Amino acid sequence: PEISSFSMDMFKVGSIAVRMLTKLLNEDSSTHQKTF
């Protein structure tokens, strides 16, 4: 039987992480959200 569990879109987590890093690399990080 299928298992009851907790899920999270980890592909999305990875995508957000690199986009956040891009902003740190290219712009003033103080203008952007730093915690998701």
Full PDB file with SEQRES, HELIX, SHEET, SSBOND, CRYST1, ORIGX, SCALE, CONECT and MASTER records, all heavy atoms in Angstrom:
SEQRES   1 A   36  PRO GLU ILE SER SER PHE SER MET ASP MET PHE LYS VAL          
SEQRES   2 A   36  GLY SER ILE ALA VAL ARG MET LEU THR LYS LEU LEU ASN          
SEQRES   3 A   36  GLU ASP SER SER THR HIS GLN LYS THR PHE                      
HELIX    1 AA1 MET A   10  ASN A   26  1                                  17    
HELIX    2 AA2 SER A   29  THR A   31  5                                   3    
CRYST1    1.000    1.000    1.000  90.00  90.00  90.00 P 1           1          
ORIGX1      1.000000  0.000000  0.000000        0.00000                         
ORIGX2      0.000000  1.000000  0.000000        0.00000                         
ORIGX3      0.000000  0.000000  1.000000        0.00000                         
SCALE1      1.000000  0.000000  0.000000        0.00000                         
SCALE2      0.000000  1.000000  0.000000        0.00000                         
SCALE3      0.000000  0.000000  1.000000        0.00000                         
ATOM      1  N   PRO A   1       0.824  -1.212   0.000  1.00  0.00           N  
ATOM      2  CA  PRO A   1       0.000   0.000   0.000  1.00  0.00           C  
ATOM      3  C   PRO A   1       0.860   1.265   0.000  1.00  0.00           C  
ATOM      4  O   PRO A   1       1.990   1.251   0.463  1.00  0.00           O  
ATOM      5  CB  PRO A   1      -0.796  -0.124   1.298  1.00  0.00           C  
ATOM      6  CG  PRO A   1       0.094  -0.933   2.197  1.00  0.00           C  
ATOM      7  CD  PRO A   1       0.761  -1.931   1.297  1.00  0.00           C  
ATOM      8  N   GLU A   2       0.279   2.340  -0.540  1.00  0.00           N  
ATOM      9  CA  GLU A   2       0.995   3.609  -0.579  1.00  0.00           C  
ATOM     10  C   GLU A   2       1.224   4.136   0.837  1.00  0.00           C  
ATOM     11  O   GLU A   2       0.387   3.976   1.722  1.00  0.00           O  
ATOM     12  CB  GLU A   2       0.203   4.635  -1.398  1.00  0.00           C  
ATOM     13  CG  GLU A   2       0.084   4.259  -2.860  1.00  0.00           C  
ATOM     14  CD  GLU A   2      -0.636   5.319  -3.674  1.00  0.00           C  
ATOM     15  OE1 GLU A   2      -1.147   6.286  -3.060  1.00  0.00           O  
ATOM     16  OE2 GLU A   2      -0.684   5.202  -4.907  1.00  0.00           O  
ATOM     17  N   ILE A   3       2.379   4.798   1.037  1.00  0.00           N  
ATOM     18  CA  ILE A   3       2.812   5.196   2.374  1.00  0.00           C  
ATOM     19  C   ILE A   3       2.397   6.632   2.686  1.00  0.00           C  
ATOM     20  O   ILE A   3       2.624   7.551   1.894  1.00  0.00           O  
ATOM     21  CB  ILE A   3       4.341   5.063   2.496  1.00  0.00           C  
ATOM     22  CG1 ILE A   3       4.751   3.593   2.338  1.00  0.00           C  
ATOM     23  CG2 ILE A   3       4.841   5.615   3.829  1.00  0.00           C  
ATOM     24  CD1 ILE A   3       6.243   3.389   2.241  1.00  0.00           C  
ATOM     25  N   SER A   4       1.809   6.824   3.857  1.00  0.00           N  
ATOM     26  CA  SER A   4       1.518   8.176   4.351  1.00  0.00           C  
ATOM     27  C   SER A   4       2.855   8.860   4.666  1.00  0.00           C  
ATOM     28  O   SER A   4       3.696   8.291   5.372  1.00  0.00           O  
ATOM     29  CB  SER A   4       0.652   8.118   5.607  1.00  0.00           C  
ATOM     30  OG  SER A   4      -0.615   7.568   5.321  1.00  0.00           O  
ATOM     31  N   SER A   5       3.037  10.065   4.142  1.00  0.00           N  
ATOM     32  CA  SER A   5       4.338  10.720   4.311  1.00  0.00           C  
ATOM     33  C   SER A   5       4.197  12.222   4.124  1.00  0.00           C  
ATOM     34  O   SER A   5       3.126  12.738   3.785  1.00  0.00           O  
ATOM     35  CB  SER A   5       5.349  10.166   3.306  1.00  0.00           C  
ATOM     36  OG  SER A   5       4.947  10.464   1.975  1.00  0.00           O  
ATOM     37  N   PHE A   6       5.314  12.903   4.332  1.00  0.00           N  
ATOM     38  CA  PHE A   6       5.370  14.360   4.192  1.00  0.00           C  
ATOM     39  C   PHE A   6       6.241  14.697   2.987  1.00  0.00           C  
ATOM     40  O   PHE A   6       7.346  14.172   2.837  1.00  0.00           O  
ATOM     41  CB  PHE A   6       5.937  14.995   5.459  1.00  0.00           C  
ATOM     42  CG  PHE A   6       5.092  14.730   6.668  1.00  0.00           C  
ATOM     43  CD1 PHE A   6       5.209  13.533   7.363  1.00  0.00           C  
ATOM     44  CD2 PHE A   6       4.154  15.658   7.095  1.00  0.00           C  
ATOM     45  CE1 PHE A   6       4.420  13.265   8.469  1.00  0.00           C  
ATOM     46  CE2 PHE A   6       3.352  15.401   8.190  1.00  0.00           C  
ATOM     47  CZ  PHE A   6       3.484  14.199   8.879  1.00  0.00           C  
ATOM     48  N   SER A   7       5.744  15.581   2.155  1.00  0.00           N  
ATOM     49  CA  SER A   7       6.465  15.874   0.916  1.00  0.00           C  
ATOM     50  C   SER A   7       6.796  17.354   0.797  1.00  0.00           C  
ATOM     51  O   SER A   7       6.144  18.214   1.391  1.00  0.00           O  
ATOM     52  CB  SER A   7       5.641  15.440  -0.300  1.00  0.00           C  
ATOM     53  OG  SER A   7       4.449  16.212  -0.389  1.00  0.00           O  
ATOM     54  N   MET A   8       7.828  17.609   0.020  1.00  0.00           N  
ATOM     55  CA  MET A   8       8.252  18.968  -0.276  1.00  0.00           C  
ATOM     56  C   MET A   8       8.826  18.944  -1.684  1.00  0.00           C  
ATOM     57  O   MET A   8       9.495  17.980  -2.074  1.00  0.00           O  
ATOM     58  CB  MET A   8       9.311  19.418   0.733  1.00  0.00           C  
ATOM     59  CG  MET A   8       9.707  20.876   0.657  1.00  0.00           C  
ATOM     60  SD  MET A   8      10.902  21.324   1.957  1.00  0.00           S  
ATOM     61  CE  MET A   8       9.894  21.168   3.433  1.00  0.00           C  
ATOM     62  N   ASP A   9       8.574  19.983  -2.461  1.00  0.00           N  
ATOM     63  CA  ASP A   9       9.101  20.058  -3.820  1.00  0.00           C  
ATOM     64  C   ASP A   9      10.585  20.409  -3.752  1.00  0.00           C  
ATOM     65  O   ASP A   9      10.963  21.578  -3.747  1.00  0.00           O  
ATOM     66  CB  ASP A   9       8.330  21.107  -4.620  1.00  0.00           C  
ATOM     67  CG  ASP A   9       8.698  21.107  -6.101  1.00  0.00           C  
ATOM     68  OD1 ASP A   9       9.748  20.549  -6.452  1.00  0.00           O  
ATOM     69  OD2 ASP A   9       7.933  21.688  -6.897  1.00  0.00           O  
ATOM     70  N   MET A  10      11.437  19.385  -3.686  1.00  0.00           N  
ATOM     71  CA  MET A  10      12.864  19.620  -3.524  1.00  0.00           C  
ATOM     72  C   MET A  10      13.500  20.193  -4.788  1.00  0.00           C  
ATOM     73  O   MET A  10      14.519  20.883  -4.722  1.00  0.00           O  
ATOM     74  CB  MET A  10      13.562  18.329  -3.111  1.00  0.00           C  
ATOM     75  CG  MET A  10      13.123  17.800  -1.753  1.00  0.00           C  
ATOM     76  SD  MET A  10      13.347  19.008  -0.407  1.00  0.00           S  
ATOM     77  CE  MET A  10      15.131  19.030  -0.260  1.00  0.00           C  
ATOM     78  N   PHE A  11      12.912  19.913  -5.942  1.00  0.00           N  
ATOM     79  CA  PHE A  11      13.389  20.560  -7.177  1.00  0.00           C  
ATOM     80  C   PHE A  11      13.228  22.078  -7.055  1.00  0.00           C  
ATOM     81  O   PHE A  11      14.129  22.842  -7.399  1.00  0.00           O  
ATOM     82  CB  PHE A  11      12.607  20.034  -8.378  1.00  0.00           C  
ATOM     83  CG  PHE A  11      13.092  20.553  -9.704  1.00  0.00           C  
ATOM     84  CD1 PHE A  11      14.014  19.833 -10.454  1.00  0.00           C  
ATOM     85  CD2 PHE A  11      12.630  21.763 -10.212  1.00  0.00           C  
ATOM     86  CE1 PHE A  11      14.466  20.314 -11.683  1.00  0.00           C  
ATOM     87  CE2 PHE A  11      13.070  22.254 -11.421  1.00  0.00           C  
ATOM     88  CZ  PHE A  11      13.998  21.529 -12.164  1.00  0.00           C  
ATOM     89  N   LYS A  12      12.088  22.488  -6.522  1.00  0.00           N  
ATOM     90  CA  LYS A  12      11.833  23.914  -6.307  1.00  0.00           C  
ATOM     91  C   LYS A  12      12.810  24.496  -5.290  1.00  0.00           C  
ATOM     92  O   LYS A  12      13.297  25.616  -5.468  1.00  0.00           O  
ATOM     93  CB  LYS A  12      10.395  24.113  -5.834  1.00  0.00           C  
ATOM     94  CG  LYS A  12      10.009  25.567  -5.573  1.00  0.00           C  
ATOM     95  CD  LYS A  12       8.567  25.657  -5.108  1.00  0.00           C  
ATOM     96  CE  LYS A  12       8.173  27.100  -4.803  1.00  0.00           C  
ATOM     97  NZ  LYS A  12       6.770  27.184  -4.327  1.00  0.00           N  
ATOM     98  N   VAL A  13      13.093  23.742  -4.231  1.00  0.00           N  
ATOM     99  CA  VAL A  13      14.053  24.201  -3.217  1.00  0.00           C  
ATOM    100  C   VAL A  13      15.406  24.480  -3.870  1.00  0.00           C  
ATOM    101  O   VAL A  13      16.029  25.521  -3.633  1.00  0.00           O  
ATOM    102  CB  VAL A  13      14.208  23.165  -2.091  1.00  0.00           C  
ATOM    103  CG1 VAL A  13      15.370  23.532  -1.170  1.00  0.00           C  
ATOM    104  CG2 VAL A  13      12.918  23.057  -1.287  1.00  0.00           C  
ATOM    105  N   GLY A  14      15.874  23.543  -4.694  1.00  0.00           N  
ATOM    106  CA  GLY A  14      17.150  23.735  -5.381  1.00  0.00           C  
ATOM    107  C   GLY A  14      17.134  24.921  -6.316  1.00  0.00           C  
ATOM    108  O   GLY A  14      18.111  25.683  -6.396  1.00  0.00           O  
ATOM    109  N   SER A  15      16.028  25.101  -7.026  1.00  0.00           N  
ATOM    110  CA  SER A  15      15.906  26.231  -7.955  1.00  0.00           C  
ATOM    111  C   SER A  15      15.968  27.561  -7.212  1.00  0.00           C  
ATOM    112  O   SER A  15      16.674  28.490  -7.627  1.00  0.00           O  
ATOM    113  CB  SER A  15      14.576  26.133  -8.715  1.00  0.00           C  
ATOM    114  OG  SER A  15      14.486  24.931  -9.453  1.00  0.00           O  
ATOM    115  N   ILE A  16      15.228  27.653  -6.119  1.00  0.00           N  
ATOM    116  CA  ILE A  16      15.219  28.880  -5.323  1.00  0.00           C  
ATOM    117  C   ILE A  16      16.617  29.182  -4.789  1.00  0.00           C  
ATOM    118  O   ILE A  16      17.068  30.332  -4.790  1.00  0.00           O  
ATOM    119  CB  ILE A  16      14.209  28.775  -4.168  1.00  0.00           C  
ATOM    120  CG1 ILE A  16      12.775  28.742  -4.710  1.00  0.00           C  
ATOM    121  CG2 ILE A  16      14.369  29.943  -3.188  1.00  0.00           C  
ATOM    122  CD1 ILE A  16      11.729  28.470  -3.648  1.00  0.00           C  
ATOM    123  N   ALA A  17      17.313  28.141  -4.343  1.00  0.00           N  
ATOM    124  CA  ALA A  17      18.640  28.336  -3.750  1.00  0.00           C  
ATOM    125  C   ALA A  17      19.600  28.992  -4.728  1.00  0.00           C  
ATOM    126  O   ALA A  17      20.317  29.941  -4.386  1.00  0.00           O  
ATOM    127  CB  ALA A  17      19.197  26.997  -3.275  1.00  0.00           C  
ATOM    128  N   VAL A  18      19.630  28.510  -5.968  1.00  0.00           N  
ATOM    129  CA  VAL A  18      20.572  29.072  -6.942  1.00  0.00           C  
ATOM    130  C   VAL A  18      20.133  30.460  -7.388  1.00  0.00           C  
ATOM    131  O   VAL A  18      20.968  31.345  -7.613  1.00  0.00           O  
ATOM    132  CB  VAL A  18      20.733  28.128  -8.152  1.00  0.00           C  
ATOM    133  CG1 VAL A  18      21.621  28.762  -9.226  1.00  0.00           C  
ATOM    134  CG2 VAL A  18      21.346  26.814  -7.703  1.00  0.00           C  
ATOM    135  N   ARG A  19      18.838  30.694  -7.486  1.00  0.00           N  
ATOM    136  CA  ARG A  19      18.369  32.043  -7.830  1.00  0.00           C  
ATOM    137  C   ARG A  19      18.729  33.037  -6.726  1.00  0.00           C  
ATOM    138  O   ARG A  19      19.102  34.184  -7.006  1.00  0.00           O  
ATOM    139  CB  ARG A  19      16.857  32.038  -8.077  1.00  0.00           C  
ATOM    140  CG  ARG A  19      16.449  31.250  -9.321  1.00  0.00           C  
ATOM    141  CD  ARG A  19      14.976  31.392  -9.639  1.00  0.00           C  
ATOM    142  NE  ARG A  19      14.565  30.489 -10.692  1.00  0.00           N  
ATOM    143  CZ  ARG A  19      14.733  30.709 -11.989  1.00  0.00           C  
ATOM    144  NH1 ARG A  19      15.324  31.824 -12.381  1.00  0.00           N  
ATOM    145  NH2 ARG A  19      14.323  29.821 -12.876  1.00  0.00           N  
ATOM    146  N   MET A  20      18.619  32.616  -5.480  1.00  0.00           N  
ATOM    147  CA  MET A  20      19.015  33.480  -4.370  1.00  0.00           C  
ATOM    148  C   MET A  20      20.516  33.773  -4.434  1.00  0.00           C  
ATOM    149  O   MET A  20      20.958  34.905  -4.201  1.00  0.00           O  
ATOM    150  CB  MET A  20      18.672  32.820  -3.033  1.00  0.00           C  
ATOM    151  CG  MET A  20      17.191  32.753  -2.723  1.00  0.00           C  
ATOM    152  SD  MET A  20      16.852  31.816  -1.187  1.00  0.00           S  
ATOM    153  CE  MET A  20      17.550  32.925   0.050  1.00  0.00           C  
ATOM    154  N   LEU A  21      21.300  32.755  -4.754  1.00  0.00           N  
ATOM    155  CA  LEU A  21      22.745  32.949  -4.853  1.00  0.00           C  
ATOM    156  C   LEU A  21      23.086  33.918  -5.974  1.00  0.00           C  
ATOM    157  O   LEU A  21      23.984  34.757  -5.835  1.00  0.00           O  
ATOM    158  CB  LEU A  21      23.444  31.609  -5.089  1.00  0.00           C  
ATOM    159  CG  LEU A  21      24.969  31.662  -5.181  1.00  0.00           C  
ATOM    160  CD1 LEU A  21      25.571  32.179  -3.877  1.00  0.00           C  
ATOM    161  CD2 LEU A  21      25.531  30.277  -5.519  1.00  0.00           C  
ATOM    162  N   THR A  22      22.360  33.833  -7.072  1.00  0.00           N  
ATOM    163  CA  THR A  22      22.583  34.748  -8.192  1.00  0.00           C  
ATOM    164  C   THR A  22      22.417  36.193  -7.763  1.00  0.00           C  
ATOM    165  O   THR A  22      23.198  37.073  -8.151  1.00  0.00           O  
ATOM    166  CB  THR A  22      21.605  34.421  -9.342  1.00  0.00           C  
ATOM    167  OG1 THR A  22      21.877  33.117  -9.831  1.00  0.00           O  
ATOM    168  CG2 THR A  22      21.747  35.413 -10.485  1.00  0.00           C  
ATOM    169  N   LYS A  23      21.411  36.451  -6.933  1.00  0.00           N  
ATOM    170  CA  LYS A  23      21.187  37.819  -6.454  1.00  0.00           C  
ATOM    171  C   LYS A  23      22.309  38.281  -5.540  1.00  0.00           C  
ATOM    172  O   LYS A  23      22.700  39.451  -5.570  1.00  0.00           O  
ATOM    173  CB  LYS A  23      19.830  37.910  -5.759  1.00  0.00           C  
ATOM    174  CG  LYS A  23      18.656  37.731  -6.726  1.00  0.00           C  
ATOM    175  CD  LYS A  23      17.318  37.728  -6.014  1.00  0.00           C  
ATOM    176  CE  LYS A  23      16.173  37.559  -7.010  1.00  0.00           C  
ATOM    177  NZ  LYS A  23      14.847  37.523  -6.358  1.00  0.00           N  
ATOM    178  N   LEU A  24      22.837  37.370  -4.734  1.00  0.00           N  
ATOM    179  CA  LEU A  24      23.974  37.736  -3.893  1.00  0.00           C  
ATOM    180  C   LEU A  24      25.209  38.043  -4.736  1.00  0.00           C  
ATOM    181  O   LEU A  24      25.998  38.920  -4.400  1.00  0.00           O  
ATOM    182  CB  LEU A  24      24.307  36.598  -2.918  1.00  0.00           C  
ATOM    183  CG  LEU A  24      23.343  36.349  -1.769  1.00  0.00           C  
ATOM    184  CD1 LEU A  24      23.864  35.217  -0.884  1.00  0.00           C  
ATOM    185  CD2 LEU A  24      23.133  37.596  -0.921  1.00  0.00           C  
ATOM    186  N   LEU A  25      25.371  37.320  -5.822  1.00  0.00           N  
ATOM    187  CA  LEU A  25      26.549  37.495  -6.670  1.00  0.00           C  
ATOM    188  C   LEU A  25      26.489  38.758  -7.513  1.00  0.00           C  
ATOM    189  O   LEU A  25      27.515  39.365  -7.806  1.00  0.00           O  
ATOM    190  CB  LEU A  25      26.709  36.284  -7.605  1.00  0.00           C  
ATOM    191  CG  LEU A  25      27.173  34.972  -6.970  1.00  0.00           C  
ATOM    192  CD1 LEU A  25      26.982  33.828  -7.951  1.00  0.00           C  
ATOM    193  CD2 LEU A  25      28.630  35.070  -6.547  1.00  0.00           C  
ATOM    194  N   ASN A  26      25.288  39.156  -7.893  1.00  0.00           N  
ATOM    195  CA  ASN A  26      25.165  40.206  -8.891  1.00  0.00           C  
ATOM    196  C   ASN A  26      24.594  41.526  -8.405  1.00  0.00           C  
ATOM    197  O   ASN A  26      24.690  42.520  -9.117  1.00  0.00           O  
ATOM    198  CB  ASN A  26      24.288  39.705 -10.047  1.00  0.00           C  
ATOM    199  CG  ASN A  26      24.992  38.647 -10.855  1.00  0.00           C  
ATOM    200  OD1 ASN A  26      25.853  38.937 -11.680  1.00  0.00           O  
ATOM    201  ND2 ASN A  26      24.666  37.391 -10.602  1.00  0.00           N  
ATOM    202  N   GLU A  27      23.985  41.560  -7.229  1.00  0.00           N  
ATOM    203  CA  GLU A  27      23.326  42.785  -6.811  1.00  0.00           C  
ATOM    204  C   GLU A  27      23.530  43.029  -5.320  1.00  0.00           C  
ATOM    205  O   GLU A  27      24.097  42.202  -4.609  1.00  0.00           O  
ATOM    206  CB  GLU A  27      21.814  42.701  -7.105  1.00  0.00           C  
ATOM    207  CG  GLU A  27      21.505  42.484  -8.583  1.00  0.00           C  
ATOM    208  CD  GLU A  27      20.020  42.336  -8.827  1.00  0.00           C  
ATOM    209  OE1 GLU A  27      19.229  42.720  -7.948  1.00  0.00           O  
ATOM    210  OE2 GLU A  27      19.656  41.832  -9.894  1.00  0.00           O  
ATOM    211  N   ASP A  28      23.019  44.152  -4.839  1.00  0.00           N  
ATOM    212  CA  ASP A  28      23.045  44.472  -3.417  1.00  0.00           C  
ATOM    213  C   ASP A  28      22.050  43.567  -2.706  1.00  0.00           C  
ATOM    214  O   ASP A  28      20.839  43.713  -2.852  1.00  0.00           O  
ATOM    215  CB  ASP A  28      22.670  45.936  -3.201  1.00  0.00           C  
ATOM    216  CG  ASP A  28      22.647  46.316  -1.731  1.00  0.00           C  
ATOM    217  OD1 ASP A  28      23.005  45.484  -0.871  1.00  0.00           O  
ATOM    218  OD2 ASP A  28      22.285  47.471  -1.451  1.00  0.00           O  
ATOM    219  N   SER A  29      22.555  42.609  -1.921  1.00  0.00           N  
ATOM    220  CA  SER A  29      21.693  41.613  -1.299  1.00  0.00           C  
ATOM    221  C   SER A  29      20.717  42.211  -0.287  1.00  0.00           C  
ATOM    222  O   SER A  29      19.736  41.587   0.082  1.00  0.00           O  
ATOM    223  CB  SER A  29      22.556  40.550  -0.594  1.00  0.00           C  
ATOM    224  OG  SER A  29      23.321  41.140   0.432  1.00  0.00           O  
ATOM    225  N   SER A  30      20.976  43.422   0.169  1.00  0.00           N  
ATOM    226  CA  SER A  30      20.111  44.010   1.189  1.00  0.00           C  
ATOM    227  C   SER A  30      18.708  44.302   0.669  1.00  0.00           C  
ATOM    228  O   SER A  30      17.784  44.497   1.443  1.00  0.00           O  
ATOM    229  CB  SER A  30      20.742  45.310   1.720  1.00  0.00           C  
ATOM    230  OG  SER A  30      20.826  46.283   0.691  1.00  0.00           O  
ATOM    231  N   THR A  31      18.542  44.325  -0.650  1.00  0.00           N  
ATOM    232  CA  THR A  31      17.239  44.639  -1.234  1.00  0.00           C  
ATOM    233  C   THR A  31      16.405  43.389  -1.491  1.00  0.00           C  
ATOM    234  O   THR A  31      15.320  43.479  -2.026  1.00  0.00           O  
ATOM    235  CB  THR A  31      17.414  45.413  -2.550  1.00  0.00           C  
ATOM    236  OG1 THR A  31      18.105  44.568  -3.489  1.00  0.00           O  
ATOM    237  CG2 THR A  31      18.204  46.683  -2.335  1.00  0.00           C  
ATOM    238  N   HIS A  32      16.915  42.232  -1.119  1.00  0.00           N  
ATOM    239  CA  HIS A  32      16.231  40.996  -1.462  1.00  0.00           C  
ATOM    240  C   HIS A  32      15.923  40.163  -0.223  1.00  0.00           C  
ATOM    241  O   HIS A  32      16.604  40.253   0.792  1.00  0.00           O  
ATOM    242  CB  HIS A  32      17.079  40.162  -2.434  1.00  0.00           C  
ATOM    243  CG  HIS A  32      17.344  40.858  -3.743  1.00  0.00           C  
ATOM    244  ND1 HIS A  32      16.391  41.043  -4.699  1.00  0.00           N  
ATOM    245  CD2 HIS A  32      18.472  41.441  -4.200  1.00  0.00           C  
ATOM    246  CE1 HIS A  32      16.916  41.704  -5.723  1.00  0.00           C  
ATOM    247  NE2 HIS A  32      18.177  41.963  -5.434  1.00  0.00           N  
ATOM    248  N   GLN A  33      14.874  39.321  -0.357  1.00  0.00           N  
ATOM    249  CA  GLN A  33      14.528  38.412   0.724  1.00  0.00           C  
ATOM    250  C   GLN A  33      15.663  37.418   0.932  1.00  0.00           C  
ATOM    251  O   GLN A  33      16.132  36.780  -0.008  1.00  0.00           O  
ATOM    252  CB  GLN A  33      13.240  37.661   0.365  1.00  0.00           C  
ATOM    253  CG  GLN A  33      12.732  36.741   1.458  1.00  0.00           C  
ATOM    254  CD  GLN A  33      11.409  36.107   1.080  1.00  0.00           C  
ATOM    255  OE1 GLN A  33      10.777  36.487   0.105  1.00  0.00           O  
ATOM    256  NE2 GLN A  33      10.998  35.117   1.851  1.00  0.00           N  
ATOM    257  N   LYS A  34      16.097  37.277   2.182  1.00  0.00           N  
ATOM    258  CA  LYS A  34      17.239  36.423   2.467  1.00  0.00           C  
ATOM    259  C   LYS A  34      16.857  35.092   3.110  1.00  0.00           C  
ATOM    260  O   LYS A  34      17.705  34.214   3.243  1.00  0.00           O  
ATOM    261  CB  LYS A  34      18.227  37.151   3.392  1.00  0.00           C  
ATOM    262  CG  LYS A  34      18.942  38.319   2.721  1.00  0.00           C  
ATOM    263  CD  LYS A  34      19.948  38.914   3.685  1.00  0.00           C  
ATOM    264  CE  LYS A  34      20.683  40.074   3.038  1.00  0.00           C  
ATOM    265  NZ  LYS A  34      21.640  40.696   3.980  1.00  0.00           N  
ATOM    266  N   THR A  35      15.604  34.957   3.509  1.00  0.00           N  
ATOM    267  CA  THR A  35      15.170  33.714   4.137  1.00  0.00           C  
ATOM    268  C   THR A  35      13.854  33.251   3.533  1.00  0.00           C  
ATOM    269  O   THR A  35      12.899  34.023   3.461  1.00  0.00           O  
ATOM    270  CB  THR A  35      14.993  33.895   5.658  1.00  0.00           C  
ATOM    271  OG1 THR A  35      16.224  34.320   6.236  1.00  0.00           O  
ATOM    272  CG2 THR A  35      14.574  32.579   6.298  1.00  0.00           C  
ATOM    273  N   PHE A  36      13.833  31.999   3.078  1.00  0.00           N  
ATOM    274  CA  PHE A  36      12.611  31.375   2.589  1.00  0.00           C  
ATOM    275  C   PHE A  36      12.253  30.220   3.517  1.00  0.00           C  
ATOM    276  O   PHE A  36      13.124  29.450   3.933  1.00  0.00           O  
ATOM    277  CB  PHE A  36      12.809  30.831   1.165  1.00  0.00           C  
ATOM    278  CG  PHE A  36      12.647  31.862   0.092  1.00  0.00           C  
ATOM    279  CD1 PHE A  36      13.706  32.692  -0.248  1.00  0.00           C  
ATOM    280  CD2 PHE A  36      11.449  32.019  -0.584  1.00  0.00           C  
ATOM    281  CE1 PHE A  36      13.584  33.648  -1.236  1.00  0.00           C  
ATOM    282  CE2 PHE A  36      11.300  32.969  -1.569  1.00  0.00           C  
ATOM    283  CZ  PHE A  36      12.374  33.793  -1.900  1.00  0.00           C  
TER     284      PHE A  36                                                      
MASTER        0    0    0    2    0    0    0    6  283    1    0    3          
END                                                                             
